[in-house]
Amino acid sequence: MLNGKVIVLGVTGGIAAYKAATLCSRLVQRGADVHVIMTESAKQFITELTLQSLTKNPVYSDTFDERDPSVVSHIHLADMADLFLVAPATANVIGKMAHGLADDMLTTTLLATTAPVMISPAMNVHMYTHPAVMANLETLASRGVGMIEPGEGLLACGYVGKGRMEEPDTIVEVVERFFQEQDKQGGPSLRVDGMPGSSADHAANGSHGLLSGKKVVVTAGGTIERIDPVRYITNDSSGKMGFAIAKAAKELGAEVHLIAAHTDEAPPEGIETERVESAEDMYQAVLRAFPDSDIVVKAAAVADYRPREAASSKIKKRGDTMTLELVKTTDILENLGRRKTTQFLIGFAAETDSVEQYAREKLKRKNCDLLVANDVTAAGAGFGTDTNLVQIYDAEGLVERLPLMSKEEVGRRLLTLAAERLSGRFS
């Protein structure tokens, strides 16, 4: 599976460094040519000799230890990599990567490489959720660095929570999927699971027209349900996910109709945008666009309830309490699920617990072709962020679990899946 692939593995100074031995072994068994760079801290947990024995290649740790006078080691390693994997990635090295620091062999080589970069974080749960670490991860994701999300459980420090480096076998599976997708698309710069590659890379490798001739309708933002002329009910949706999907659809060659509710973000340039306010406004707009659409992506956060009556003038304060009677709004996604014929319907589910259970129930109940679910309480995945951490489901169950990545990359991956399935439906 990995025959001939050169993987540069960065090992940093956390207790999870011991897993690097198994990771090296698994990658080599699958045919990869693995070259290890260790930080000085990593050598406190595992020896260079161990990793050299497993990879049959020299292990690097000193920027100035130039063993071959014909090359500059960190440039040579940077150039030869098909993939640069940092596992474990500590909070320290994540911070250095985010800020472009280069003070050792690993970070210097990372700055010099143009290869796809993937990280597998490992640290204490409180370190992982610290705002500085979250901001650094969002910065890396916005640059296209892929993240293999850490697992939850008993940590070496004694805490129980999120921060365990993912198991080596799972990391190898992610690496294999990356190269499978790369081989399928036929280009070294294509992205999968958060790997780097701009829209220009996609165009150069033939995926720019993946949705050529298709009409894609995208909803975005949070609807507003008026209480009176100066007050309303809404939600925390920023519209960023819907806007990112619309932009990705345009880049993939689609004719895009964006229906946007309340958002402080500017819609993507060059895309037809219809502004709406309430759930009913959005429902009517979507119904008008639905018959001629090929793909509909319902990324908007639509209010489930609205005031039974909106006052025509400002409601005055008259006592210690006020009762507001709410009634259900029209379920747009459910209605589209009943009406669809050839349309490919994608829904979203923002959850705070039991994500898979609620996602699969919603997909079935609303007759979606794909449903994108996320835990909005997870770091980097909530409303207003530039990144997302999602799981994609179909009628059979989990299709793909994406690592933390930019919302534009989530949009590209989601629409690529939709295009492939839509194509198969009519082939």
Protein backbone atom coordinates (compact mmCIF):
# COMPACT_ATOMS: atom_id res chain seq x y z
CA MET A 1 0.00 0.00 0.00
CA LEU A 2 2.84 2.40 0.84
CA ASN A 3 5.50 0.98 -1.45
CA GLY A 4 7.95 3.67 -2.52
CA LYS A 5 6.39 6.38 -0.34
CA VAL A 6 8.86 8.47 1.65
CA ILE A 7 7.52 9.44 5.04
CA VAL A 8 9.45 11.79 7.29
CA LEU A 9 8.35 11.12 10.86
CA GLY A 10 8.85 13.79 13.49
CA VAL A 11 8.95 12.45 17.05
CA THR A 12 8.63 14.97 19.89
CA GLY A 13 9.08 14.84 23.64
CA GLY A 14 6.04 13.30 25.24
CA ILE A 15 5.42 9.94 26.86
CA ALA A 16 3.59 8.89 23.69
CA ALA A 17 6.97 8.91 21.94
CA TYR A 18 7.18 5.20 22.79
CA LYS A 19 4.39 4.63 20.24
CA ALA A 20 6.72 5.89 17.52
CA ALA A 21 8.47 2.51 17.54
CA THR A 22 5.26 0.68 16.66
CA LEU A 23 4.33 3.37 14.15
CA CYS A 24 7.69 3.06 12.40
CA SER A 25 7.36 -0.72 12.33
CA ARG A 26 3.85 -0.62 10.84
CA LEU A 27 4.80 1.92 8.16
CA VAL A 28 7.90 -0.03 7.16
CA GLN A 29 5.90 -3.29 7.01
CA ARG A 30 3.60 -1.60 4.48
CA GLY A 31 6.52 -0.64 2.27
CA ALA A 32 7.17 2.95 3.34
CA ASP A 33 10.64 4.44 3.44
CA VAL A 34 10.63 6.08 6.87
CA HIS A 35 13.10 8.78 7.97
CA VAL A 36 12.89 9.91 11.60
CA ILE A 37 13.69 13.30 13.08
CA MET A 38 13.68 13.45 16.88
CA THR A 39 13.69 16.44 19.18
CA GLU A 40 16.12 16.46 22.09
CA SER A 41 13.18 15.98 24.46
CA ALA A 42 12.00 12.92 22.53
CA LYS A 43 15.35 11.25 23.24
CA GLN A 44 14.42 11.29 26.93
CA PHE A 45 11.66 8.77 26.17
CA ILE A 46 12.99 6.61 23.33
CA THR A 47 16.42 6.08 21.81
CA GLU A 48 17.66 6.93 18.34
CA LEU A 49 19.00 3.38 18.04
CA THR A 50 15.50 1.90 18.45
CA LEU A 51 14.04 3.93 15.60
CA GLN A 52 17.12 3.52 13.42
CA SER A 53 16.90 -0.25 13.83
CA LEU A 54 13.24 -0.28 12.84
CA THR A 55 13.55 2.04 9.83
CA LYS A 56 17.02 1.02 8.61
CA ASN A 57 17.70 4.73 8.11
CA PRO A 58 19.77 7.22 10.12
CA VAL A 59 17.83 9.17 12.75
CA TYR A 60 18.31 12.94 12.81
CA SER A 61 18.17 15.26 15.82
CA ASP A 62 20.90 17.88 15.35
CA THR A 63 20.56 20.53 12.64
CA PHE A 64 24.33 20.87 12.44
CA ASP A 65 25.16 17.18 12.29
CA GLU A 66 25.80 17.10 8.53
CA ARG A 67 26.71 13.51 7.76
CA ASP A 68 26.72 13.80 3.95
CA PRO A 69 28.68 16.78 2.62
CA SER A 70 26.88 16.60 -0.73
CA VAL A 71 23.54 17.68 0.77
CA VAL A 72 22.12 19.93 3.50
CA SER A 73 20.32 17.39 5.65
CA HIS A 74 17.20 19.31 6.63
CA ILE A 75 16.64 20.50 3.03
CA HIS A 76 17.28 17.02 1.67
CA LEU A 77 14.74 15.47 4.05
CA ALA A 78 12.23 18.24 3.34
CA ASP A 79 12.51 17.69 -0.41
CA MET A 80 12.35 13.90 -0.41
CA ALA A 81 9.18 13.58 1.71
CA ASP A 82 5.91 12.42 0.19
CA LEU A 83 4.33 13.04 3.60
CA PHE A 84 5.59 14.73 6.75
CA LEU A 85 4.04 13.17 9.84
CA VAL A 86 4.58 14.47 13.38
CA ALA A 87 3.58 11.85 15.96
CA PRO A 88 3.41 12.54 18.78
CA ALA A 89 2.98 16.28 18.34
CA THR A 90 3.37 18.08 21.67
CA ALA A 91 1.86 21.45 22.53
CA ASN A 92 5.35 22.90 22.21
CA VAL A 93 5.98 21.78 18.64
CA ILE A 94 2.42 22.69 17.61
CA GLY A 95 3.07 26.21 18.89
CA LYS A 96 6.38 26.40 17.02
CA MET A 97 4.74 25.21 13.80
CA ALA A 98 1.91 27.72 14.12
CA HIS A 99 4.31 30.62 14.61
CA GLY A 100 6.89 29.57 12.03
CA LEU A 101 9.70 28.98 14.50
CA ALA A 102 12.74 26.95 13.43
CA ASP A 103 15.06 26.31 16.36
CA ASP A 104 15.89 22.63 15.93
CA MET A 105 16.20 19.95 13.26
CA LEU A 106 12.49 19.10 13.23
CA THR A 107 11.02 22.59 13.01
CA THR A 108 13.66 23.71 10.51
CA THR A 109 12.79 20.79 8.23
CA LEU A 110 9.07 21.43 8.65
CA LEU A 111 9.51 25.00 7.45
CA ALA A 112 11.50 23.83 4.44
CA THR A 113 9.13 21.12 3.22
CA THR A 114 6.43 21.54 0.58
CA ALA A 115 5.06 18.05 1.29
CA PRO A 116 1.68 17.47 2.94
CA VAL A 117 1.93 17.70 6.73
CA MET A 118 -0.08 15.71 9.26
CA ILE A 119 0.10 15.85 13.05
CA SER A 120 -1.06 13.52 15.81
CA PRO A 121 -1.30 15.58 19.03
CA ALA A 122 -0.58 14.11 22.45
CA MET A 123 -0.73 15.99 25.75
CA ASN A 124 -2.61 16.54 29.00
CA VAL A 125 -6.32 17.23 28.53
CA HIS A 126 -6.06 20.73 30.02
CA MET A 127 -3.13 21.54 27.77
CA TYR A 128 -5.07 20.29 24.75
CA THR A 129 -8.08 22.46 25.51
CA HIS A 130 -6.06 25.56 26.45
CA PRO A 131 -7.08 28.52 24.25
CA ALA A 132 -3.50 29.01 23.06
CA VAL A 133 -3.23 25.40 21.85
CA MET A 134 -6.67 25.58 20.25
CA ALA A 135 -5.69 28.78 18.43
CA ASN A 136 -2.48 27.17 17.21
CA LEU A 137 -4.35 24.13 15.94
CA GLU A 138 -6.83 26.37 14.12
CA THR A 139 -3.92 28.25 12.54
CA LEU A 140 -2.36 25.02 11.32
CA ALA A 141 -5.69 23.72 10.03
CA SER A 142 -6.26 26.94 8.09
CA ARG A 143 -2.91 26.33 6.38
CA GLY A 144 -3.93 22.82 5.42
CA VAL A 145 -2.12 20.81 8.08
CA GLY A 146 -4.10 17.67 8.82
CA MET A 147 -4.78 16.59 12.39
CA ILE A 148 -5.40 13.06 13.58
CA GLU A 149 -7.62 13.82 16.54
CA PRO A 150 -6.36 12.51 19.90
CA GLY A 151 -8.35 9.92 21.75
CA GLU A 152 -9.93 10.00 25.20
CA GLY A 153 -9.04 7.91 28.22
CA LEU A 154 -6.59 7.61 31.09
CA LEU A 155 -3.59 9.82 30.40
CA ALA A 156 -0.06 9.21 31.64
CA CYS A 157 -0.40 12.20 33.99
CA GLY A 158 -3.30 10.47 35.76
CA TYR A 159 -6.07 12.62 34.29
CA VAL A 160 -8.91 11.09 32.31
CA GLY A 161 -9.84 13.01 29.16
CA LYS A 162 -8.87 13.90 25.63
CA GLY A 163 -5.20 14.02 24.75
CA ARG A 164 -4.00 10.47 24.06
CA MET A 165 -2.09 10.09 20.83
CA GLU A 166 -4.10 7.98 18.41
CA GLU A 167 -2.99 4.36 18.15
CA PRO A 168 -0.33 3.59 15.50
CA ASP A 169 -2.60 1.26 13.50
CA THR A 170 -5.21 4.00 13.17
CA ILE A 171 -2.57 6.52 12.11
CA VAL A 172 -1.34 4.11 9.44
CA GLU A 173 -4.92 3.74 8.16
CA VAL A 174 -5.22 7.51 7.83
CA VAL A 175 -1.89 7.65 5.97
CA GLU A 176 -3.00 4.87 3.62
CA ARG A 177 -6.29 6.65 2.90
CA PHE A 178 -4.35 9.80 2.09
CA PHE A 179 -2.20 8.03 -0.49
CA GLN A 180 -5.16 6.10 -1.88
CA GLU A 181 -6.97 9.37 -2.53
CA GLN A 182 -3.83 10.87 -3.98
CA ASP A 183 -3.39 7.96 -6.39
CA LYS A 184 -7.08 8.07 -7.33
CA GLN A 185 -6.91 11.76 -8.20
CA GLY A 186 -3.56 11.36 -9.94
CA GLY A 187 -1.81 14.36 -8.45
CA PRO A 188 0.72 14.85 -5.68
CA SER A 189 -0.86 18.04 -4.32
CA LEU A 190 -4.40 16.84 -3.72
CA ARG A 191 -5.79 16.99 -0.22
CA VAL A 192 -7.43 14.29 1.81
CA ASP A 193 -8.19 14.30 5.54
CA GLY A 194 -6.81 17.79 5.88
CA MET A 195 -3.76 17.48 3.66
CA PRO A 196 -2.42 20.61 1.95
CA GLY A 197 -3.39 21.65 -1.54
CA SER A 198 -5.02 24.81 -2.83
CA SER A 199 -7.92 25.13 -5.22
CA ALA A 200 -5.31 25.73 -7.91
CA ASP A 201 -3.85 22.31 -7.11
CA HIS A 202 -7.28 20.77 -7.62
CA ALA A 203 -7.66 22.52 -10.96
CA ALA A 204 -4.25 21.38 -12.12
CA ASN A 205 -5.10 17.80 -11.27
CA GLY A 206 -8.45 17.66 -12.98
CA SER A 207 -10.86 17.96 -10.06
CA HIS A 208 -11.73 21.62 -10.69
CA GLY A 209 -14.64 20.60 -12.95
CA LEU A 210 -15.93 17.86 -10.69
CA LEU A 211 -19.28 19.68 -10.40
CA SER A 212 -19.31 21.30 -13.84
CA GLY A 213 -22.86 21.57 -15.13
CA LYS A 214 -24.36 20.95 -11.67
CA LYS A 215 -26.49 23.37 -9.72
CA VAL A 216 -25.73 23.44 -6.01
CA VAL A 217 -28.00 25.16 -3.49
CA VAL A 218 -26.42 25.98 -0.12
CA THR A 219 -28.09 27.47 2.95
CA ALA A 220 -26.06 29.31 5.58
CA GLY A 221 -26.34 31.39 8.75
CA GLY A 222 -28.89 31.47 11.54
CA THR A 223 -32.52 32.38 10.99
CA ILE A 224 -34.18 35.19 12.95
CA GLU A 225 -37.66 34.82 14.48
CA ARG A 226 -39.11 38.20 15.45
CA ILE A 227 -40.62 38.83 18.89
CA ASP A 228 -41.20 42.50 18.13
CA PRO A 229 -39.49 45.10 15.90
CA VAL A 230 -36.41 45.28 18.16
CA ARG A 231 -36.11 41.75 19.57
CA TYR A 232 -35.77 38.32 18.05
CA ILE A 233 -34.80 34.67 18.64
CA THR A 234 -31.73 33.36 16.83
CA ASN A 235 -28.69 31.12 17.42
CA ASP A 236 -24.89 31.25 17.36
CA SER A 237 -24.43 30.21 13.73
CA SER A 238 -21.81 32.41 11.99
CA GLY A 239 -22.56 31.20 8.46
CA LYS A 240 -18.89 30.30 7.94
CA MET A 241 -19.55 26.62 7.19
CA GLY A 242 -22.23 27.34 4.59
CA PHE A 243 -20.13 30.05 2.97
CA ALA A 244 -17.14 27.70 2.84
CA ILE A 245 -19.26 25.03 1.13
CA ALA A 246 -20.59 27.53 -1.39
CA LYS A 247 -17.06 28.67 -2.18
CA ALA A 248 -15.87 25.08 -2.57
CA ALA A 249 -18.78 24.29 -4.89
CA LYS A 250 -17.90 27.22 -7.12
CA GLU A 251 -14.25 26.15 -7.22
CA LEU A 252 -15.39 22.69 -8.30
CA GLY A 253 -17.26 24.19 -11.24
CA ALA A 254 -20.85 24.27 -9.98
CA GLU A 255 -23.48 26.94 -10.49
CA VAL A 256 -24.10 27.99 -6.90
CA HIS A 257 -27.19 29.53 -5.33
CA LEU A 258 -26.45 30.61 -1.76
CA ILE A 259 -29.38 31.32 0.55
CA ALA A 260 -28.07 33.19 3.59
CA ALA A 261 -29.81 34.10 6.83
CA HIS A 262 -28.32 36.18 9.66
CA THR A 263 -24.50 36.32 9.64
CA ASP A 264 -21.82 38.90 10.26
CA GLU A 265 -19.60 37.31 7.60
CA ALA A 266 -19.41 38.59 4.02
CA PRO A 267 -20.61 35.99 1.50
CA PRO A 268 -18.06 34.62 -0.98
CA GLU A 269 -17.46 36.85 -3.98
CA GLY A 270 -18.95 35.92 -7.32
CA ILE A 271 -21.71 33.71 -5.91
CA GLU A 272 -25.43 34.41 -6.30
CA THR A 273 -26.63 35.15 -2.78
CA GLU A 274 -30.24 35.45 -1.69
CA ARG A 275 -30.72 37.03 1.73
CA VAL A 276 -33.51 35.82 4.02
CA GLU A 277 -34.43 36.37 7.65
CA SER A 278 -36.87 33.88 9.14
CA ALA A 279 -37.25 30.10 8.84
CA GLU A 280 -40.34 30.65 6.69
CA ASP A 281 -38.41 33.01 4.40
CA MET A 282 -35.70 30.40 4.01
CA TYR A 283 -38.23 27.64 3.39
CA GLN A 284 -39.85 29.57 0.55
CA ALA A 285 -36.47 30.46 -0.98
CA VAL A 286 -35.30 26.86 -0.87
CA LEU A 287 -38.56 25.59 -2.38
CA ARG A 288 -38.12 27.96 -5.33
CA ALA A 289 -34.57 26.75 -5.97
CA PHE A 290 -35.09 23.06 -5.21
CA PRO A 291 -36.70 21.71 -8.44
CA ASP A 292 -33.74 22.71 -10.65
CA SER A 293 -31.01 21.74 -8.19
CA ASP A 294 -28.67 18.76 -8.33
CA ILE A 295 -27.21 19.05 -4.83
CA VAL A 296 -28.74 20.81 -1.83
CA VAL A 297 -26.61 21.41 1.25
CA LYS A 298 -28.62 22.53 4.28
CA ALA A 299 -25.85 24.06 6.40
CA ALA A 300 -28.00 26.84 7.89
CA ALA A 301 -29.03 26.74 11.55
CA VAL A 302 -32.80 27.11 11.25
CA ALA A 303 -34.86 27.95 14.32
CA ASP A 304 -37.02 25.06 15.49
CA TYR A 305 -39.58 27.39 17.05
CA ARG A 306 -40.90 30.91 16.50
CA PRO A 307 -43.20 33.17 18.53
CA ARG A 308 -46.81 32.40 17.75
CA GLU A 309 -47.33 36.11 17.13
CA ALA A 310 -44.79 38.86 16.53
CA ALA A 311 -45.80 42.18 18.08
CA SER A 312 -46.09 45.09 15.64
CA SER A 313 -44.56 47.51 18.16
CA LYS A 314 -42.01 47.21 20.92
CA ILE A 315 -43.25 45.18 23.89
CA LYS A 316 -42.97 47.25 27.06
CA LYS A 317 -41.66 45.91 30.34
CA ARG A 318 -44.64 45.22 32.59
CA GLY A 319 -43.78 42.95 35.48
CA ASP A 320 -41.26 40.45 36.72
CA THR A 321 -42.07 37.72 34.18
CA MET A 322 -43.29 37.43 30.63
CA THR A 323 -44.65 34.37 28.86
CA LEU A 324 -43.73 33.86 25.24
CA GLU A 325 -45.66 31.18 23.37
CA LEU A 326 -43.63 29.39 20.71
CA VAL A 327 -44.79 27.22 17.83
CA LYS A 328 -42.83 24.92 15.56
CA THR A 329 -41.35 26.26 12.36
CA THR A 330 -41.55 24.31 9.11
CA ASP A 331 -38.92 21.57 9.02
CA ILE A 332 -37.19 22.49 5.77
CA LEU A 333 -34.89 19.47 5.56
CA GLU A 334 -37.70 17.01 6.25
CA ASN A 335 -39.85 18.61 3.58
CA LEU A 336 -37.04 18.43 1.04
CA GLY A 337 -36.48 14.78 1.93
CA ARG A 338 -40.10 14.04 1.08
CA ARG A 339 -40.03 16.05 -2.15
CA LYS A 340 -36.68 15.00 -3.62
CA THR A 341 -36.54 13.03 -6.85
CA THR A 342 -33.07 13.20 -8.40
CA GLN A 343 -31.65 15.76 -5.97
CA PHE A 344 -28.76 14.79 -3.69
CA LEU A 345 -29.64 16.05 -0.22
CA ILE A 346 -27.07 16.83 2.49
CA GLY A 347 -28.05 17.78 6.01
CA PHE A 348 -26.14 19.00 9.05
CA ALA A 349 -26.52 18.09 12.70
CA ALA A 350 -24.90 20.26 15.38
CA GLU A 351 -24.98 18.18 18.57
CA THR A 352 -23.61 18.38 22.09
CA ASP A 353 -23.81 14.66 22.98
CA SER A 354 -24.65 11.24 21.46
CA VAL A 355 -23.52 12.59 18.09
CA GLU A 356 -23.65 9.35 16.12
CA GLN A 357 -27.03 8.26 17.48
CA TYR A 358 -28.71 11.59 16.75
CA ALA A 359 -27.01 11.92 13.37
CA ARG A 360 -28.15 8.54 12.11
CA GLU A 361 -31.68 9.09 13.40
CA LYS A 362 -31.85 12.48 11.70
CA LEU A 363 -30.49 11.15 8.40
CA LYS A 364 -33.15 8.42 8.29
CA ARG A 365 -36.01 10.64 9.50
CA LYS A 366 -35.28 13.37 6.96
CA ASN A 367 -34.31 11.11 4.06
CA CYS A 368 -30.87 12.65 3.50
CA ASP A 369 -28.23 11.14 1.25
CA LEU A 370 -25.44 12.35 3.54
CA LEU A 371 -25.50 13.93 6.96
CA VAL A 372 -22.63 15.91 8.46
CA ALA A 373 -22.50 15.83 12.24
CA ASN A 374 -20.29 17.52 14.77
CA ASP A 375 -20.05 18.05 18.49
CA VAL A 376 -20.19 21.83 18.79
CA THR A 377 -18.62 21.63 22.25
CA ALA A 378 -15.42 20.12 20.81
CA ALA A 379 -12.40 22.40 20.57
CA GLY A 380 -12.14 23.96 17.10
CA ALA A 381 -15.54 22.70 15.99
CA GLY A 382 -18.05 25.14 17.45
CA PHE A 383 -19.88 28.09 15.95
CA GLY A 384 -17.76 30.96 14.70
CA THR A 385 -14.51 29.03 14.21
CA ASP A 386 -12.62 28.76 10.91
CA THR A 387 -12.16 25.03 11.45
CA ASN A 388 -14.45 22.08 11.95
CA LEU A 389 -14.27 18.50 13.17
CA VAL A 390 -16.99 16.43 11.53
CA GLN A 391 -18.29 12.95 10.91
CA ILE A 392 -20.12 12.14 7.67
CA TYR A 393 -22.88 9.51 7.64
CA ASP A 394 -25.03 7.78 5.05
CA ALA A 395 -27.78 5.18 5.39
CA GLU A 396 -25.19 2.47 6.11
CA GLY A 397 -23.47 4.39 8.90
CA LEU A 398 -20.20 6.28 9.22
CA VAL A 399 -18.68 7.19 5.85
CA GLU A 400 -15.75 9.27 7.01
CA ARG A 401 -14.45 10.89 10.19
CA LEU A 402 -12.49 13.99 9.22
CA PRO A 403 -9.73 15.37 11.43
CA LEU A 404 -9.70 19.01 12.47
CA MET A 405 -9.41 21.04 9.27
CA SER A 406 -10.49 24.31 7.75
CA LYS A 407 -14.16 24.64 6.90
CA GLU A 408 -13.27 25.13 3.24
CA GLU A 409 -11.52 21.75 3.26
CA VAL A 410 -14.54 20.15 4.92
CA GLY A 411 -16.65 21.67 2.15
CA ARG A 412 -14.38 20.34 -0.59
CA ARG A 413 -14.28 16.85 0.89
CA LEU A 414 -18.06 16.78 1.40
CA LEU A 415 -18.80 17.94 -2.15
CA THR A 416 -16.29 15.50 -3.60
CA LEU A 417 -18.14 12.66 -1.87
CA ALA A 418 -21.45 14.01 -3.15
CA ALA A 419 -20.15 14.34 -6.72
CA GLU A 420 -18.79 10.80 -6.71
CA ARG A 421 -22.07 9.40 -5.44
CA LEU A 422 -24.19 11.51 -7.74
CA SER A 423 -22.10 10.36 -10.67
CA GLY A 424 -22.49 6.71 -9.64
CA ARG A 425 -26.25 7.13 -9.33
CA PHE A 426 -26.56 7.99 -13.03
CA SER A 427 -23.73 5.92 -14.49
